Amino acid sequence: MSETVPAPVPGGAVPPRRVLVTGASGGVGAAVAHAFARLGDRVALHYSANPDRAERVRADLPGDGHIVVGADLADPAAIARLVEDSVSGLGGIDVLVNNAAAPTPSHPPADTSYADWVDTWQRVVSINLLGTANLTHQVAARMIAQGTGGRIVNIGSRGAFRGEPDHPAYGASKAGLHSLGQSLAVALAPHGIAVTSVAPGFVDTDRVANRLTGEQGQVIRAQSPFDRVAVPEEIAAAVVYLASGEALWASGAILDLNGASYLRA
């Protein structure tokens, strides 16, 4: 089976990869889309609720052939349409980056009503874990049919390991995502598909910018001995490597990207 290194075309050039990035309308997802586009790849930028923002990201990407695709990842039927639209627009899928995650309000168990607790868990797990599992199933089927292998990179979290007392649904969903990635790494290897995950710490994005102000921001930055948090481009650089032809042997790995803010055995 191919190791998913695109075959050279006449003249020695390597054809662009076809890359689907979920949650690509901002933050880490947008940085990942830019990183692949700078390499000459064609990107399908997924959004869940803000098509205008996704279109602005697409318009800013270098190169051409990029598309915008929308879907609620909590809806299995919408996921099937998302894959169809991505394949139609790109001509196939060589790389899937599972970046999308549900907004997660604080829900510590002692201070959260049962109704809010149930609602938060159902929404977070339906997108972060079940939605990712369903999308990966559909994309893997396309990769297998193409017969050229593929790369799947999941954006997890250090919270899967250290715990998230104020956001337990988020931490649990990311732990499940890491486990899913390792299971699929074994299951899909015979088809030349490598599956990896990254586990970022705190990343400076628009969604969490308010938490980096004042004393709270100082506490968050001090979690790392570098006294700062990550920027999205640092996560994107790791994703690009894990999606490369050279990274086949990393399949099954979970790469910590937290600036030594949390060290696990």
Protein backbone atom coordinates (compact mmCIF):
# COMPACT_ATOMS: atom_id res chain seq x y z
CA MET A 1 0.00 0.00 0.00
CA SER A 2 1.18 3.52 -0.78
CA GLU A 3 2.60 5.61 2.04
CA THR A 4 0.50 8.57 0.85
CA VAL A 5 3.30 10.48 -0.79
CA PRO A 6 1.70 11.97 -3.93
CA ALA A 7 3.19 10.57 -7.12
CA PRO A 8 5.23 13.09 -9.10
CA VAL A 9 3.68 14.40 -12.27
CA PRO A 10 5.63 14.94 -15.50
CA GLY A 11 8.31 17.52 -14.85
CA GLY A 12 8.94 16.32 -11.28
CA ALA A 13 6.30 18.42 -9.54
CA VAL A 14 4.27 16.95 -6.69
CA PRO A 15 0.50 17.37 -7.15
CA PRO A 16 -1.36 19.31 -4.46
CA ARG A 17 -2.97 17.33 -1.70
CA ARG A 18 -6.69 17.66 -1.05
CA VAL A 19 -7.19 18.70 2.56
CA LEU A 20 -10.39 18.96 4.64
CA VAL A 21 -10.03 21.06 7.80
CA THR A 22 -12.97 21.25 10.19
CA GLY A 23 -13.60 24.37 12.23
CA ALA A 24 -11.53 26.37 9.75
CA SER A 25 -13.27 29.74 10.00
CA GLY A 26 -10.83 30.99 12.65
CA GLY A 27 -8.24 30.15 15.28
CA VAL A 28 -6.25 26.95 14.91
CA GLY A 29 -8.34 25.73 11.97
CA ALA A 30 -7.66 28.86 9.93
CA ALA A 31 -3.94 28.64 10.72
CA VAL A 32 -3.91 25.00 9.60
CA ALA A 33 -5.67 25.92 6.36
CA HIS A 34 -3.09 28.64 5.69
CA ALA A 35 -0.21 26.27 6.41
CA PHE A 36 -1.42 23.71 3.86
CA ALA A 37 -2.27 26.36 1.29
CA ARG A 38 1.24 27.81 1.54
CA LEU A 39 2.54 24.37 0.54
CA GLY A 40 0.41 24.47 -2.60
CA ASP A 41 -2.33 22.18 -1.30
CA ARG A 42 -6.04 22.72 -1.93
CA VAL A 43 -8.18 23.13 1.15
CA ALA A 44 -11.86 22.60 2.01
CA LEU A 45 -12.62 24.91 4.92
CA HIS A 46 -15.45 23.62 7.08
CA TYR A 47 -17.63 25.92 9.14
CA SER A 48 -20.61 25.19 11.36
CA ALA A 49 -22.34 28.55 11.78
CA ASN A 50 -20.41 31.41 10.16
CA PRO A 51 -20.05 31.09 6.38
CA ASP A 52 -18.98 34.71 5.93
CA ARG A 53 -16.02 34.28 8.27
CA ALA A 54 -15.02 31.07 6.48
CA GLU A 55 -15.23 32.84 3.12
CA ARG A 56 -12.92 35.58 4.42
CA VAL A 57 -10.38 32.95 5.44
CA ARG A 58 -10.67 31.28 2.03
CA ALA A 59 -10.19 34.58 0.21
CA ASP A 60 -6.98 35.18 2.16
CA LEU A 61 -5.43 31.79 1.34
CA PRO A 62 -2.57 31.64 -1.15
CA GLY A 63 -3.16 29.58 -4.26
CA ASP A 64 -6.50 28.61 -5.74
CA GLY A 65 -9.00 25.78 -5.77
CA HIS A 66 -9.98 26.21 -2.12
CA ILE A 67 -13.63 25.74 -1.13
CA VAL A 68 -15.91 26.44 1.82
CA VAL A 69 -18.21 23.70 3.13
CA GLY A 70 -20.72 23.92 5.96
CA ALA A 71 -22.19 21.32 8.29
CA ASP A 72 -23.37 20.77 11.84
CA LEU A 73 -21.10 17.95 12.95
CA ALA A 74 -23.71 16.83 15.47
CA ASP A 75 -25.89 15.75 12.52
CA PRO A 76 -24.80 12.46 10.89
CA ALA A 77 -26.71 13.25 7.71
CA ALA A 78 -25.01 16.63 7.44
CA ILE A 79 -21.63 14.92 7.79
CA ALA A 80 -22.36 12.67 4.82
CA ARG A 81 -23.24 15.73 2.73
CA LEU A 82 -20.11 17.52 3.94
CA VAL A 83 -17.92 14.72 2.66
CA GLU A 84 -19.77 14.62 -0.66
CA ASP A 85 -19.34 18.38 -1.08
CA SER A 86 -15.65 18.20 -0.16
CA VAL A 87 -14.93 15.35 -2.55
CA SER A 88 -16.89 17.06 -5.31
CA GLY A 89 -15.08 20.36 -4.80
CA LEU A 90 -11.56 18.99 -4.35
CA GLY A 91 -11.74 15.81 -6.42
CA GLY A 92 -10.99 13.61 -3.40
CA ILE A 93 -9.53 13.85 0.11
CA ASP A 94 -5.93 13.04 1.05
CA VAL A 95 -5.77 14.71 4.48
CA LEU A 96 -8.41 15.21 7.17
CA VAL A 97 -7.76 17.54 10.09
CA ASN A 98 -10.36 17.10 12.83
CA ASN A 99 -10.14 20.49 14.51
CA ALA A 100 -13.76 21.55 15.14
CA ALA A 101 -14.92 21.61 18.76
CA ALA A 102 -18.13 22.72 20.41
CA PRO A 103 -18.15 25.92 22.47
CA THR A 104 -18.10 24.69 26.05
CA PRO A 105 -19.50 26.86 28.84
CA SER A 106 -18.12 26.36 32.31
CA HIS A 107 -20.00 23.50 34.01
CA PRO A 108 -18.38 22.43 37.29
CA PRO A 109 -20.56 19.65 38.71
CA ALA A 110 -21.19 21.27 42.09
CA ASP A 111 -22.48 24.51 40.56
CA THR A 112 -24.33 23.34 37.46
CA SER A 113 -27.99 22.42 37.26
CA TYR A 114 -28.81 18.94 36.04
CA ALA A 115 -30.55 20.32 32.94
CA ASP A 116 -27.52 22.43 32.00
CA TRP A 117 -25.18 19.54 32.79
CA VAL A 118 -27.05 17.15 30.48
CA ASP A 119 -27.34 19.74 27.70
CA THR A 120 -23.63 20.60 27.82
CA TRP A 121 -22.48 16.99 27.79
CA GLN A 122 -24.78 16.02 24.94
CA ARG A 123 -23.72 18.93 22.74
CA VAL A 124 -20.00 18.67 23.45
CA VAL A 125 -19.76 14.90 23.00
CA SER A 126 -22.00 14.96 19.91
CA ILE A 127 -19.55 17.27 18.13
CA ASN A 128 -16.12 16.69 19.65
CA LEU A 129 -16.30 12.90 19.73
CA LEU A 130 -19.28 11.44 17.88
CA GLY A 131 -19.17 13.99 15.07
CA THR A 132 -15.45 13.46 14.62
CA ALA A 133 -15.90 9.68 14.64
CA ASN A 134 -18.64 9.87 12.02
CA LEU A 135 -16.70 12.25 9.79
CA THR A 136 -13.55 10.17 10.05
CA HIS A 137 -15.48 7.04 9.08
CA GLN A 138 -16.81 8.71 5.95
CA VAL A 139 -13.49 10.25 4.95
CA ALA A 140 -11.58 7.01 5.60
CA ALA A 141 -14.00 5.21 3.30
CA ARG A 142 -13.14 7.71 0.55
CA MET A 143 -9.41 7.33 1.18
CA ILE A 144 -9.71 3.54 0.99
CA ALA A 145 -11.65 3.79 -2.27
CA GLN A 146 -9.00 6.12 -3.72
CA GLY A 147 -6.38 3.49 -2.93
CA THR A 148 -3.61 5.99 -2.18
CA GLY A 149 -3.72 6.03 1.63
CA GLY A 150 -4.16 9.20 3.60
CA ARG A 151 -3.49 11.19 6.73
CA ILE A 152 -5.88 11.96 9.58
CA VAL A 153 -4.80 14.40 12.30
CA ASN A 154 -6.96 15.04 15.37
CA ILE A 155 -6.73 18.20 17.46
CA GLY A 156 -7.06 17.00 21.04
CA SER A 157 -6.03 18.72 24.26
CA ARG A 158 -3.77 18.50 27.29
CA GLY A 159 -7.07 18.59 29.22
CA ALA A 160 -7.54 14.95 28.25
CA PHE A 161 -4.66 14.12 30.59
CA ARG A 162 -4.59 16.74 33.33
CA GLY A 163 -8.36 17.00 33.79
CA GLU A 164 -10.71 19.95 33.28
CA PRO A 165 -12.65 20.51 36.54
CA ASP A 166 -14.63 23.47 35.16
CA HIS A 167 -15.09 21.91 31.71
CA PRO A 168 -15.28 18.14 32.34
CA ALA A 169 -17.25 17.37 29.16
CA TYR A 170 -14.53 19.00 27.09
CA GLY A 171 -11.73 17.06 28.81
CA ALA A 172 -13.59 13.76 28.50
CA SER A 173 -14.43 14.33 24.85
CA LYS A 174 -10.78 15.04 24.04
CA ALA A 175 -9.65 11.94 25.93
CA GLY A 176 -12.11 9.96 23.84
CA LEU A 177 -10.76 11.62 20.70
CA HIS A 178 -7.20 10.57 21.55
CA SER A 179 -8.37 7.00 22.15
CA LEU A 180 -10.33 7.01 18.90
CA GLY A 181 -7.24 8.12 17.02
CA GLN A 182 -5.14 5.31 18.42
CA SER A 183 -7.78 2.70 17.62
CA LEU A 184 -8.12 3.97 14.07
CA ALA A 185 -4.35 4.11 13.62
CA VAL A 186 -4.29 0.33 14.00
CA ALA A 187 -7.48 -0.30 12.04
CA LEU A 188 -6.56 1.88 9.04
CA ALA A 189 -2.85 1.13 8.75
CA PRO A 190 -3.43 -1.76 6.28
CA HIS A 191 -4.95 0.83 3.96
CA GLY A 192 -1.94 3.16 4.14
CA ILE A 193 -3.80 5.66 6.34
CA ALA A 194 -1.87 7.13 9.27
CA VAL A 195 -3.82 8.60 12.18
CA THR A 196 -2.25 10.92 14.75
CA SER A 197 -3.32 13.46 17.37
CA VAL A 198 -1.90 16.63 18.86
CA ALA A 199 -2.64 17.71 22.42
CA PRO A 200 -2.24 21.49 22.67
CA GLY A 201 -2.25 23.47 25.86
CA PHE A 202 -3.77 26.95 25.93
CA VAL A 203 -3.77 28.59 22.49
CA ASP A 204 -4.35 32.31 21.92
CA THR A 205 -7.45 32.45 19.69
CA ASP A 206 -10.35 34.87 19.40
CA ARG A 207 -12.63 32.41 21.23
CA VAL A 208 -10.59 32.54 24.45
CA ALA A 209 -8.92 35.94 24.16
CA ASN A 210 -10.96 37.29 27.08
CA ARG A 211 -9.37 34.72 29.39
CA LEU A 212 -5.90 36.08 28.69
CA THR A 213 -6.56 39.50 30.15
CA GLY A 214 -5.69 40.71 33.64
CA GLU A 215 -4.67 38.45 36.49
CA GLN A 216 -6.37 35.40 34.98
CA GLY A 217 -4.24 35.76 31.86
CA GLN A 218 -1.08 36.01 33.94
CA VAL A 219 -1.97 32.78 35.73
CA ILE A 220 -2.59 30.99 32.44
CA ARG A 221 0.67 32.17 30.90
CA ALA A 222 2.59 31.19 34.03
CA GLN A 223 1.51 27.57 33.58
CA SER A 224 4.34 27.30 31.05
CA PRO A 225 7.97 27.96 32.01
CA PHE A 226 8.12 29.99 28.78
CA ASP A 227 5.57 32.34 30.43
CA ARG A 228 3.30 32.48 27.43
CA VAL A 229 0.65 30.50 25.59
CA ALA A 230 0.80 29.03 22.11
CA VAL A 231 -0.15 30.80 18.92
CA PRO A 232 -2.24 28.92 16.32
CA GLU A 233 0.64 28.76 13.85
CA GLU A 234 2.64 26.58 16.25
CA ILE A 235 -0.13 23.99 16.28
CA ALA A 236 -0.50 24.23 12.50
CA ALA A 237 3.20 23.50 11.99
CA ALA A 238 2.88 20.24 13.91
CA VAL A 239 -0.23 19.26 11.96
CA VAL A 240 1.54 19.83 8.65
CA TYR A 241 4.39 17.57 9.73
CA LEU A 242 2.05 14.80 10.91
CA ALA A 243 0.23 14.97 7.58
CA SER A 244 3.45 14.66 5.60
CA GLY A 245 4.79 11.65 3.78
CA GLU A 246 7.68 11.49 6.24
CA ALA A 247 5.40 11.06 9.24
CA LEU A 248 3.88 7.66 8.44
CA TRP A 249 5.73 6.05 11.35
CA ALA A 250 4.17 8.52 13.79
CA SER A 251 0.79 6.86 13.31
CA GLY A 252 -0.88 6.28 16.67
CA ALA A 253 1.12 9.03 18.36
CA ILE A 254 -0.29 11.80 20.54
CA LEU A 255 2.01 14.83 20.37
CA ASP A 256 2.01 17.15 23.40
CA LEU A 257 2.15 20.82 22.38
CA ASN A 258 1.84 22.70 25.65
CA GLY A 259 5.15 24.48 26.28
CA ALA A 260 5.96 22.15 29.19
CA SER A 261 2.87 23.41 31.02
CA TYR A 262 1.79 19.82 31.67
CA LEU A 263 4.14 16.85 31.62
CA ARG A 264 2.76 13.31 31.54
CA ALA A 265 4.54 10.06 32.08
